[in-house]
Amino acid sequence: MLLFRCLAIVVASASLLHAAEDKMRLVRESDALTPEQERAGFHVPEGFTVQLFASEPMINKPINMAFDARGRLWVSSTVEYPYSADKSRWSDEKGTRVKDSRDAIKILEDTDGDGKADKVTDFADGLNIPTGVLPWHKPEHKAGCIAWSIPNIWYFADTDGDDKADVREVLFGPLGYEK
């Protein structure tokens, strides 16, 4: 009888481990394509072209992007997607920052006029899967954006001109995201 119980525990444990492994494979694994291979796969109307502006390692897993009035490209870089950070990693109840998060909103610029980004700035880091960004700022700030980063819609602002968010203000939220 003891042997039967031990065998049952081993079988049950193995099936649980297999189920846990399946949950870790939410995204299909495949070899990454180079930016040139990706570009070759685009089909655009006659008279249009696709030009590479930025790629890894400048940005990782971009989900949303928008240009500001100065022609800079703002990108939500969501390295952690699809695994949102547990509340135990939040800096406070609002989720203002996430410990050890690689997610950020980045500003990409072409400073030498060659049509390719050559400067990247982490405007707001420590985020939780930012999936939207709209460059906009109040008149008293140097730069800013409205963005969704779990669990809120935020206003991030630069007050001193260094293109780093000094202000993190909740505009709306928290919004439910729990599984």
Protein backbone atom coordinates (compact mmCIF):
# COMPACT_ATOMS: atom_id res chain seq x y z
CA MET A 1 0.00 0.00 0.00
CA LEU A 2 2.88 2.36 0.81
CA LEU A 3 4.41 1.68 -2.60
CA PHE A 4 1.08 2.53 -4.27
CA ARG A 5 0.86 5.87 -2.36
CA CYS A 6 4.41 6.80 -3.29
CA LEU A 7 3.79 5.95 -6.92
CA ALA A 8 0.57 8.00 -6.92
CA ILE A 9 2.42 11.01 -5.46
CA VAL A 10 5.16 10.75 -8.10
CA VAL A 11 2.62 10.56 -10.94
CA ALA A 12 0.60 13.50 -9.55
CA SER A 13 3.75 15.58 -9.08
CA ALA A 14 4.93 14.85 -12.59
CA SER A 15 1.61 15.94 -14.08
CA LEU A 16 1.69 19.18 -12.05
CA LEU A 17 5.22 19.92 -13.19
CA HIS A 18 4.21 19.29 -16.79
CA ALA A 19 1.23 21.69 -16.41
CA ALA A 20 3.51 24.37 -14.90
CA GLU A 21 5.95 23.94 -17.80
CA ASP A 22 3.11 24.41 -20.31
CA LYS A 23 2.10 27.70 -18.64
CA MET A 24 5.66 28.98 -19.04
CA ARG A 25 5.38 28.49 -22.81
CA LEU A 26 2.67 31.04 -23.52
CA VAL A 27 4.63 32.43 -26.43
CA ARG A 28 5.68 30.26 -29.35
CA GLU A 29 9.41 29.81 -29.49
CA SER A 30 11.04 30.57 -32.81
CA ASP A 31 14.32 31.88 -34.09
CA ALA A 32 14.49 35.65 -34.22
CA LEU A 33 14.64 37.29 -37.62
CA THR A 34 17.17 40.00 -38.37
CA PRO A 35 15.82 43.51 -39.02
CA GLU A 36 16.69 43.02 -42.71
CA GLN A 37 14.66 39.77 -42.85
CA GLU A 38 11.72 41.47 -41.13
CA ARG A 39 11.88 44.42 -43.53
CA ALA A 40 11.89 42.09 -46.54
CA GLY A 41 8.57 40.65 -45.35
CA PHE A 42 6.72 43.98 -45.56
CA HIS A 43 4.45 44.64 -48.53
CA VAL A 44 3.68 48.31 -49.09
CA PRO A 45 1.86 50.19 -51.87
CA GLU A 46 3.83 51.38 -54.88
CA GLY A 47 5.76 54.53 -54.13
CA PHE A 48 6.19 53.70 -50.44
CA THR A 49 9.28 52.30 -48.73
CA VAL A 50 10.03 50.81 -45.33
CA GLN A 51 13.10 52.19 -43.59
CA LEU A 52 14.65 50.79 -40.42
CA PHE A 53 14.80 53.50 -37.76
CA ALA A 54 15.71 51.44 -34.69
CA SER A 55 16.07 47.83 -33.59
CA GLU A 56 17.45 45.77 -30.72
CA PRO A 57 19.31 46.48 -28.52
CA MET A 58 17.88 50.04 -28.53
CA ILE A 59 14.35 48.73 -28.03
CA ASN A 60 12.93 45.39 -26.93
CA LYS A 61 9.42 44.12 -27.60
CA PRO A 62 7.92 47.48 -28.60
CA ILE A 63 4.13 47.50 -28.34
CA ASN A 64 3.28 51.15 -28.96
CA MET A 65 5.02 54.17 -30.42
CA ALA A 66 4.27 57.80 -31.24
CA PHE A 67 6.18 60.86 -32.43
CA ASP A 68 6.32 64.07 -30.42
CA ALA A 69 6.33 67.64 -31.76
CA ARG A 70 10.16 67.58 -31.92
CA GLY A 71 10.18 64.51 -34.21
CA ARG A 72 11.40 62.12 -31.52
CA LEU A 73 9.98 58.60 -31.38
CA TRP A 74 8.52 57.51 -28.03
CA VAL A 75 8.35 53.73 -27.60
CA SER A 76 6.91 51.48 -24.92
CA SER A 77 9.52 48.74 -24.44
CA THR A 78 7.87 45.72 -22.81
CA VAL A 79 10.57 43.15 -22.15
CA GLU A 80 8.54 41.52 -19.37
CA TYR A 81 5.42 40.91 -21.53
CA PRO A 82 3.30 38.77 -21.12
CA TYR A 83 4.21 38.30 -17.43
CA SER A 84 3.05 41.27 -15.35
CA ALA A 85 4.86 41.99 -12.11
CA ASP A 86 3.38 40.67 -8.91
CA LYS A 87 2.24 43.34 -6.42
CA SER A 88 5.03 42.23 -4.06
CA ARG A 89 7.49 43.92 -6.47
CA TRP A 90 5.65 47.27 -6.50
CA SER A 91 7.31 50.21 -4.74
CA ASP A 92 3.94 51.34 -3.32
CA GLU A 93 0.20 50.65 -3.52
CA LYS A 94 -0.07 52.65 -6.77
CA GLY A 95 2.58 50.58 -8.55
CA THR A 96 4.72 53.68 -9.18
CA ARG A 97 7.82 51.56 -9.80
CA VAL A 98 8.46 47.85 -10.16
CA LYS A 99 11.59 46.33 -8.64
CA ASP A 100 13.89 44.70 -11.22
CA SER A 101 11.60 45.56 -14.16
CA ARG A 102 13.20 46.00 -17.56
CA ASP A 103 10.08 47.67 -19.01
CA ALA A 104 10.38 51.35 -19.91
CA ILE A 105 9.24 54.20 -22.09
CA LYS A 106 12.11 55.25 -24.31
CA ILE A 107 12.75 58.30 -26.46
CA LEU A 108 14.62 57.61 -29.70
CA GLU A 109 16.25 60.41 -31.68
CA ASP A 110 18.11 60.84 -34.94
CA THR A 111 20.67 63.47 -33.94
CA ASP A 112 22.86 63.31 -37.07
CA GLY A 113 20.09 63.38 -39.71
CA ASP A 114 20.85 60.01 -41.34
CA GLY A 115 17.33 58.66 -40.81
CA LYS A 116 18.34 56.19 -38.08
CA ALA A 117 18.01 56.52 -34.32
CA ASP A 118 21.39 57.11 -32.73
CA LYS A 119 20.31 58.29 -29.28
CA VAL A 120 18.01 56.45 -26.86
CA THR A 121 16.90 57.74 -23.48
CA ASP A 122 15.00 55.78 -20.84
CA PHE A 123 12.35 58.40 -20.06
CA ALA A 124 10.43 56.31 -17.50
CA ASP A 125 11.76 52.99 -16.24
CA GLY A 126 10.67 50.40 -13.70
CA LEU A 127 7.29 50.03 -15.41
CA ASN A 128 4.83 47.14 -15.56
CA ILE A 129 4.14 46.23 -19.21
CA PRO A 130 3.59 49.72 -20.65
CA THR A 131 1.33 49.20 -23.65
CA GLY A 132 0.45 52.71 -24.70
CA VAL A 133 2.25 56.04 -24.94
CA LEU A 134 1.14 59.49 -26.05
CA PRO A 135 3.80 62.24 -25.95
CA TRP A 136 2.24 65.31 -24.31
CA HIS A 137 3.20 67.57 -21.45
CA LYS A 138 1.82 70.39 -19.38
CA PRO A 139 3.24 73.86 -20.20
CA GLU A 140 5.27 73.95 -16.97
CA HIS A 141 7.14 70.74 -17.88
CA LYS A 142 9.94 70.19 -20.43
CA ALA A 143 8.62 66.85 -21.77
CA GLY A 144 6.09 64.24 -20.83
CA CYS A 145 3.67 61.55 -21.87
CA ILE A 146 0.46 59.82 -20.95
CA ALA A 147 0.91 56.06 -20.76
CA TRP A 148 -0.76 52.88 -19.57
CA SER A 149 1.41 50.80 -17.26
CA ILE A 150 -0.28 48.28 -14.99
CA PRO A 151 -2.33 49.14 -12.97
CA ASN A 152 -2.91 52.78 -13.99
CA ILE A 153 -2.97 55.36 -16.74
CA TRP A 154 -0.10 57.66 -15.83
CA TYR A 155 1.21 61.12 -16.61
CA PHE A 156 5.03 61.05 -16.65
CA ALA A 157 6.80 64.42 -16.83
CA ASP A 158 10.32 65.81 -17.05
CA THR A 159 10.70 68.98 -15.00
CA ASP A 160 14.39 69.79 -15.53
CA GLY A 161 15.05 69.05 -19.23
CA ASP A 162 17.10 65.84 -18.89
CA ASP A 163 14.43 63.69 -20.62
CA LYS A 164 13.91 61.63 -17.45
CA ALA A 165 10.49 61.45 -15.78
CA ASP A 166 10.64 63.31 -12.47
CA VAL A 167 6.85 63.24 -12.05
CA ARG A 168 4.72 60.08 -11.96
CA GLU A 169 1.07 61.01 -11.52
CA VAL A 170 -1.89 58.63 -11.69
CA LEU A 171 -4.51 60.02 -14.08
CA PHE A 172 -6.92 57.11 -13.90
CA GLY A 173 -6.92 53.85 -12.04
CA PRO A 174 -6.27 51.42 -10.70
CA LEU A 175 -7.72 49.26 -13.43
CA GLY A 176 -8.18 45.54 -12.91
CA TYR A 177 -5.71 43.27 -14.59
CA GLU A 178 -5.60 40.27 -12.29
CA LYS A 179 -5.90 36.87 -13.88
